[in-house]
Protein backbone atom coordinates (compact mmCIF):
# COMPACT_ATOMS: atom_id res chain seq x y z
CA MET A 1 7.24 19.51 -7.37
CA PRO A 2 5.51 21.01 -10.43
CA THR A 3 1.75 20.82 -10.72
CA SER A 4 1.98 18.57 -13.76
CA SER A 5 3.71 15.96 -11.59
CA LEU A 6 0.71 15.98 -9.25
CA THR A 7 -1.68 15.13 -12.03
CA ASP A 8 0.73 12.46 -13.29
CA SER A 9 0.69 10.88 -9.80
CA LEU A 10 -3.11 10.57 -9.83
CA ARG A 11 -4.54 7.77 -11.91
CA PRO A 12 -8.33 7.48 -12.17
CA GLU A 13 -9.65 3.98 -11.69
CA PRO A 14 -11.65 2.97 -14.80
CA VAL A 15 -14.75 1.65 -13.01
CA THR A 16 -15.14 4.26 -10.29
CA SER A 17 -14.29 7.89 -9.56
CA ILE A 18 -11.53 6.96 -7.13
CA PHE A 19 -7.99 8.21 -7.72
CA THR A 20 -4.97 6.14 -6.78
CA VAL A 21 -2.30 8.04 -4.84
CA ASP A 22 1.28 6.83 -4.55
CA LEU A 23 2.59 8.30 -1.28
CA ASP A 24 6.14 7.60 -2.46
CA ALA A 25 5.73 9.76 -5.57
CA VAL A 26 3.50 12.67 -4.59
CA ASP A 27 4.01 15.75 -2.42
CA THR A 28 1.03 15.20 -0.14
CA ALA A 29 1.06 18.71 1.32
CA GLN A 30 0.84 20.26 -2.15
CA LEU A 31 -1.82 17.76 -3.22
CA SER A 32 -3.82 18.43 -0.06
CA HIS A 33 -3.71 22.17 -0.72
CA ALA A 34 -4.86 21.67 -4.31
CA LEU A 35 -7.69 19.39 -3.17
CA ARG A 36 -9.30 21.91 -0.88
CA GLN A 37 -11.20 23.17 -3.93
CA HIS A 38 -12.51 19.64 -4.65
CA SER A 39 -13.62 18.43 -1.23
CA ARG A 40 -15.52 15.43 -2.60
CA SER A 41 -12.44 13.66 -3.89
CA GLN A 42 -11.91 9.98 -3.11
CA PHE A 43 -8.46 8.43 -2.97
CA LEU A 44 -7.16 4.91 -2.82
CA VAL A 45 -3.76 4.32 -1.24
CA ASP A 46 -2.20 0.91 -1.77
CA CYS A 47 -0.10 0.42 1.36
CA ASP A 48 1.42 -2.88 0.23
CA ASN A 49 4.83 -1.61 -0.89
CA LEU A 50 5.19 1.87 0.57
CA ARG A 51 8.89 2.63 0.38
CA CYS A 52 8.38 5.72 2.57
CA GLN A 53 7.11 3.53 5.44
CA ARG A 54 10.41 1.66 5.48
CA THR A 55 12.66 4.70 4.91
CA LEU A 56 10.82 7.51 6.75
CA GLY A 57 8.76 5.53 9.24
CA ILE A 58 5.18 4.84 10.15
CA SER A 59 4.65 8.35 11.55
CA HIS A 60 5.44 9.82 8.14
CA VAL A 61 2.84 7.60 6.47
CA VAL A 62 0.23 8.52 9.09
CA SER A 63 0.94 12.24 8.70
CA GLN A 64 0.63 11.96 4.90
CA LEU A 65 -2.69 10.15 5.24
CA LEU A 66 -3.94 12.80 7.65
CA LEU A 67 -2.97 15.55 5.21
CA LEU A 68 -5.08 13.87 2.52
CA ARG A 69 -7.97 13.46 4.94
CA GLN A 70 -7.64 17.09 6.12
CA SER A 71 -8.28 18.25 2.57
CA GLY A 72 -11.78 16.82 2.86
CA ALA A 73 -11.13 13.78 0.71
CA SER A 74 -12.23 10.26 1.52
CA VAL A 75 -9.19 8.02 1.84
CA TRP A 76 -9.37 4.27 1.26
CA LEU A 77 -6.44 2.16 2.36
CA ARG A 78 -5.75 -1.18 0.69
CA ASN A 79 -3.26 -3.87 1.72
CA VAL A 80 -2.65 -2.30 5.13
CA ASN A 81 0.08 -4.18 6.97
CA PRO A 82 -0.38 -5.14 10.64
CA VAL A 83 1.97 -2.40 11.90
CA LEU A 84 0.11 0.42 10.13
CA ARG A 85 -3.27 -1.06 11.07
CA ARG A 86 -2.27 -1.28 14.74
CA CYS A 87 -0.85 2.24 14.74
CA LEU A 88 -4.05 3.67 13.22
CA HIS A 89 -6.09 1.74 15.78
CA LEU A 90 -4.00 2.90 18.77
CA LEU A 91 -4.21 6.51 17.59
CA ARG A 92 -7.95 6.04 17.07
CA LEU A 93 -7.57 7.06 13.45
CA ASP A 94 -8.92 3.85 11.94
CA SER A 95 -12.39 5.40 11.74
CA PHE A 96 -11.02 8.27 9.61
CA PHE A 97 -10.10 5.90 6.78
CA LEU A 98 -11.80 3.09 4.92
CA ILE A 99 -9.48 0.13 5.47
CA SER A 100 -9.55 -3.05 3.42
């Protein structure tokens, strides 16, 4: 995935300095690597309609979220479904993310 696609996948929220990340559209490993230089980044992931959760599974979503978190960024999760919420809780990862 070219670097320009990464910046196209990030959309700054107008009121805050939080970037929205679409896990279905971005290469999280490449984004995580690029973010290591900007460790104070904050990301919002809307989990409501994650196609990758249905096609690749919950473990894929969790690994993508952990890659973002590993880069030093704060990750906020919105519209977390009960399955993802329970999985994060069982893995004791719910404290690594801000969940709403």
